[in-house]
PDB file of N, CA and C in Angstrom:
ATOM      1  N   GLN A   1    -120.034  42.864  47.742  1.00  0.00           N
ATOM      2  CA  GLN A   1    -119.314  43.596  46.842  1.00  0.00           C
ATOM      3  C   GLN A   1    -117.910  44.048  47.476  1.00  0.00           C
ATOM      4  N   ALA A   2    -117.967  44.588  48.741  1.00  0.00           N
ATOM      5  CA  ALA A   2    -116.846  45.010  49.320  1.00  0.00           C
ATOM      6  C   ALA A   2    -115.862  43.882  49.539  1.00  0.00           C
ATOM      7  N   GLU A   3    -116.320  42.731  49.906  1.00  0.00           N
ATOM      8  CA  GLU A   3    -115.527  41.525  50.091  1.00  0.00           C
ATOM      9  C   GLU A   3    -114.793  41.264  48.822  1.00  0.00           C
ATOM     10  N   VAL A   4    -115.345  41.229  47.702  1.00  0.00           N
ATOM     11  CA  VAL A   4    -114.821  40.890  46.468  1.00  0.00           C
ATOM     12  C   VAL A   4    -113.715  41.795  46.032  1.00  0.00           C
ATOM     13  N   ILE A   5    -113.949  43.125  46.201  1.00  0.00           N
ATOM     14  CA  ILE A   5    -112.960  44.155  46.064  1.00  0.00           C
ATOM     15  C   ILE A   5    -111.811  43.993  46.906  1.00  0.00           C
ATOM     16  N   ARG A   6    -112.071  43.770  48.184  1.00  0.00           N
ATOM     17  CA  ARG A   6    -110.974  43.608  49.211  1.00  0.00           C
ATOM     18  C   ARG A   6    -110.071  42.449  48.805  1.00  0.00           C
ATOM     19  N   GLU A   7    -110.637  41.255  48.517  1.00  0.00           N
ATOM     20  CA  GLU A   7    -109.880  40.097  48.130  1.00  0.00           C
ATOM     21  C   GLU A   7    -109.150  40.198  46.892  1.00  0.00           C
ATOM     22  N   GLY A   8    -109.805  40.962  45.866  1.00  0.00           N
ATOM     23  CA  GLY A   8    -109.127  41.137  44.508  1.00  0.00           C
ATOM     24  C   GLY A   8    -108.030  42.175  44.530  1.00  0.00           C
ATOM     25  N   THR A   9    -108.084  43.063  45.410  1.00  0.00           N
ATOM     26  CA  THR A   9    -107.094  44.227  45.327  1.00  0.00           C
ATOM     27  C   THR A   9    -106.175  44.224  46.659  1.00  0.00           C
ATOM     28  N   GLY A  10    -106.639  43.752  47.800  1.00  0.00           N
ATOM     29  CA  GLY A  10    -105.851  43.906  49.003  1.00  0.00           C
ATOM     30  C   GLY A  10    -106.171  45.188  49.638  1.00  0.00           C
ATOM     31  N   TYR A  11    -106.970  45.972  49.055  1.00  0.00           N
ATOM     32  CA  TYR A  11    -107.245  47.334  49.687  1.00  0.00           C
ATOM     33  C   TYR A  11    -108.110  47.169  50.894  1.00  0.00           C
ATOM     34  N   ASN A  12    -108.025  48.022  51.963  1.00  0.00           N
ATOM     35  CA  ASN A  12    -108.912  48.104  53.037  1.00  0.00           C
ATOM     36  C   ASN A  12    -110.118  48.751  52.717  1.00  0.00           C
ATOM     37  N   VAL A  13    -111.090  47.984  52.362  1.00  0.00           N
ATOM     38  CA  VAL A  13    -112.423  48.534  51.812  1.00  0.00           C
ATOM     39  C   VAL A  13    -113.436  48.517  52.799  1.00  0.00           C
ATOM     40  N   GLY A  14    -114.178  49.624  52.857  1.00  0.00           N
ATOM     41  CA  GLY A  14    -115.408  49.743  53.834  1.00  0.00           C
ATOM     42  C   GLY A  14    -116.585  49.169  53.167  1.00  0.00           C
ATOM     43  N   HIS A  15    -117.513  48.765  54.004  1.00  0.00           N
ATOM     44  CA  HIS A  15    -118.833  48.381  53.567  1.00  0.00           C
ATOM     45  C   HIS A  15    -119.869  49.187  54.386  1.00  0.00           C
ATOM     46  N   TYR A  16    -120.962  49.502  53.750  1.00  0.00           N
ATOM     47  CA  TYR A  16    -121.975  50.353  54.445  1.00  0.00           C
ATOM     48  C   TYR A  16    -123.368  49.828  54.173  1.00  0.00           C
ATOM     49  N   CYS A  17    -124.214  49.860  55.078  1.00  0.00           N
ATOM     50  CA  CYS A  17    -125.569  49.477  54.893  1.00  0.00           C
ATOM     51  C   CYS A  17    -126.417  50.419  55.808  1.00  0.00           C
ATOM     52  N   GLY A  18    -127.694  50.556  55.510  1.00  0.00           N
ATOM     53  CA  GLY A  18    -128.547  51.495  56.211  1.00  0.00           C
ATOM     54  C   GLY A  18    -128.573  51.239  57.642  1.00  0.00           C
ATOM     55  N   GLU A  19    -128.440  50.106  58.143  1.00  0.00           N
ATOM     56  CA  GLU A  19    -128.550  49.638  59.555  1.00  0.00           C
ATOM     57  C   GLU A  19    -127.335  50.356  60.372  1.00  0.00           C
ATOM     58  N   MET A  20    -126.288  50.746  59.637  1.00  0.00           N
ATOM     59  CA  MET A  20    -125.215  51.307  60.405  1.00  0.00           C
ATOM     60  C   MET A  20    -125.367  52.834  60.840  1.00  0.00           C
ATOM     61  N   GLY A  21    -126.431  53.480  60.234  1.00  0.00           N
ATOM     62  CA  GLY A  21    -126.818  54.758  60.598  1.00  0.00           C
ATOM     63  C   GLY A  21    -125.920  55.812  59.943  1.00  0.00           C
ATOM     64  N   GLN A  22    -125.271  55.424  58.890  1.00  0.00           N
ATOM     65  CA  GLN A  22    -124.293  56.475  58.302  1.00  0.00           C
ATOM     66  C   GLN A  22    -124.959  57.714  57.867  1.00  0.00           C
ATOM     67  N   ASP A  23    -126.327  57.735  57.576  1.00  0.00           N
ATOM     68  CA  ASP A  23    -127.031  58.947  57.319  1.00  0.00           C
ATOM     69  C   ASP A  23    -126.874  59.962  58.400  1.00  0.00           C
ATOM     70  N   PHE A  24    -126.586  59.482  59.482  1.00  0.00           N
ATOM     71  CA  PHE A  24    -126.518  60.488  60.607  1.00  0.00           C
ATOM     72  C   PHE A  24    -125.075  60.759  61.102  1.00  0.00           C
ATOM     73  N   TRP A  25    -124.082  60.219  60.398  1.00  0.00           N
ATOM     74  CA  TRP A  25    -122.688  60.411  60.779  1.00  0.00           C
ATOM     75  C   TRP A  25    -122.345  61.794  60.526  1.00  0.00           C
ATOM     76  N   ASP A  26    -121.439  62.454  61.484  1.00  0.00           N
ATOM     77  CA  ASP A  26    -121.030  63.798  61.224  1.00  0.00           C
ATOM     78  C   ASP A  26    -119.722  63.705  60.461  1.00  0.00           C
ATOM     79  N   ALA A  27    -119.232  64.896  60.093  1.00  0.00           N
ATOM     80  CA  ALA A  27    -118.061  65.074  59.275  1.00  0.00           C
ATOM     81  C   ALA A  27    -116.813  64.262  59.925  1.00  0.00           C
ATOM     82  N   ARG A  28    -116.707  64.449  61.229  1.00  0.00           N
ATOM     83  CA  ARG A  28    -115.531  63.823  61.911  1.00  0.00           C
ATOM     84  C   ARG A  28    -115.570  62.282  61.662  1.00  0.00           C
ATOM     85  N   ARG A  29    -116.814  61.711  61.808  1.00  0.00           N
ATOM     86  CA  ARG A  29    -116.916  60.274  61.665  1.00  0.00           C
ATOM     87  C   ARG A  29    -116.682  59.877  60.204  1.00  0.00           C
ATOM     88  N   TRP A  30    -117.053  60.584  59.158  1.00  0.00           N
ATOM     89  CA  TRP A  30    -116.805  60.263  57.825  1.00  0.00           C
ATOM     90  C   TRP A  30    -115.220  60.435  57.485  1.00  0.00           C
ATOM     91  N   GLN A  31    -114.653  61.487  58.171  1.00  0.00           N
ATOM     92  CA  GLN A  31    -113.164  61.598  58.100  1.00  0.00           C
ATOM     93  C   GLN A  31    -112.420  60.411  58.506  1.00  0.00           C
ATOM     94  N   ARG A  32    -112.880  59.875  59.719  1.00  0.00           N
ATOM     95  CA  ARG A  32    -112.154  58.673  60.294  1.00  0.00           C
ATOM     96  C   ARG A  32    -112.348  57.529  59.205  1.00  0.00           C
ATOM     97  N   GLU A  33    -113.428  57.447  58.651  1.00  0.00           N
ATOM     98  CA  GLU A  33    -113.701  56.471  57.554  1.00  0.00           C
ATOM     99  C   GLU A  33    -112.671  56.635  56.375  1.00  0.00           C
ATOM    100  N   PHE A  34    -112.573  57.797  56.020  1.00  0.00           N
ATOM    101  CA  PHE A  34    -111.779  58.015  54.786  1.00  0.00           C
ATOM    102  C   PHE A  34    -110.293  57.782  55.099  1.00  0.00           C
ATOM    103  N   GLU A  35    -109.942  58.197  56.364  1.00  0.00           N
ATOM    104  CA  GLU A  35    -108.527  57.948  56.731  1.00  0.00           C
ATOM    105  C   GLU A  35    -108.109  56.486  56.887  1.00  0.00           C
ATOM    106  N   SER A  36    -109.060  55.642  57.363  1.00  0.00           N
ATOM    107  CA  SER A  36    -108.866  54.280  57.602  1.00  0.00           C
ATOM    108  C   SER A  36    -108.988  53.312  56.493  1.00  0.00           C
ATOM    109  N   LYS A  37    -109.532  53.898  55.304  1.00  0.00           N
ATOM    110  CA  LYS A  37    -109.830  53.094  54.211  1.00  0.00           C
ATOM    111  C   LYS A  37    -108.911  53.494  52.962  1.00  0.00           C
ATOM    112  N   GLN A  38    -108.824  52.713  52.034  1.00  0.00           N
ATOM    113  CA  GLN A  38    -107.978  53.120  50.817  1.00  0.00           C
ATOM    114  C   GLN A  38    -108.888  53.418  49.586  1.00  0.00           C
TER     115      GLN A  38
END
């Protein structure tokens, strides 16, 4: 899904899955994600 959005819009879109461990990311890690994606 992220790839389709990225290709269709040109936005820098993140993709996330459980294997990435995002359930354990702290606020600083999420802030970096928000700042680096559109």
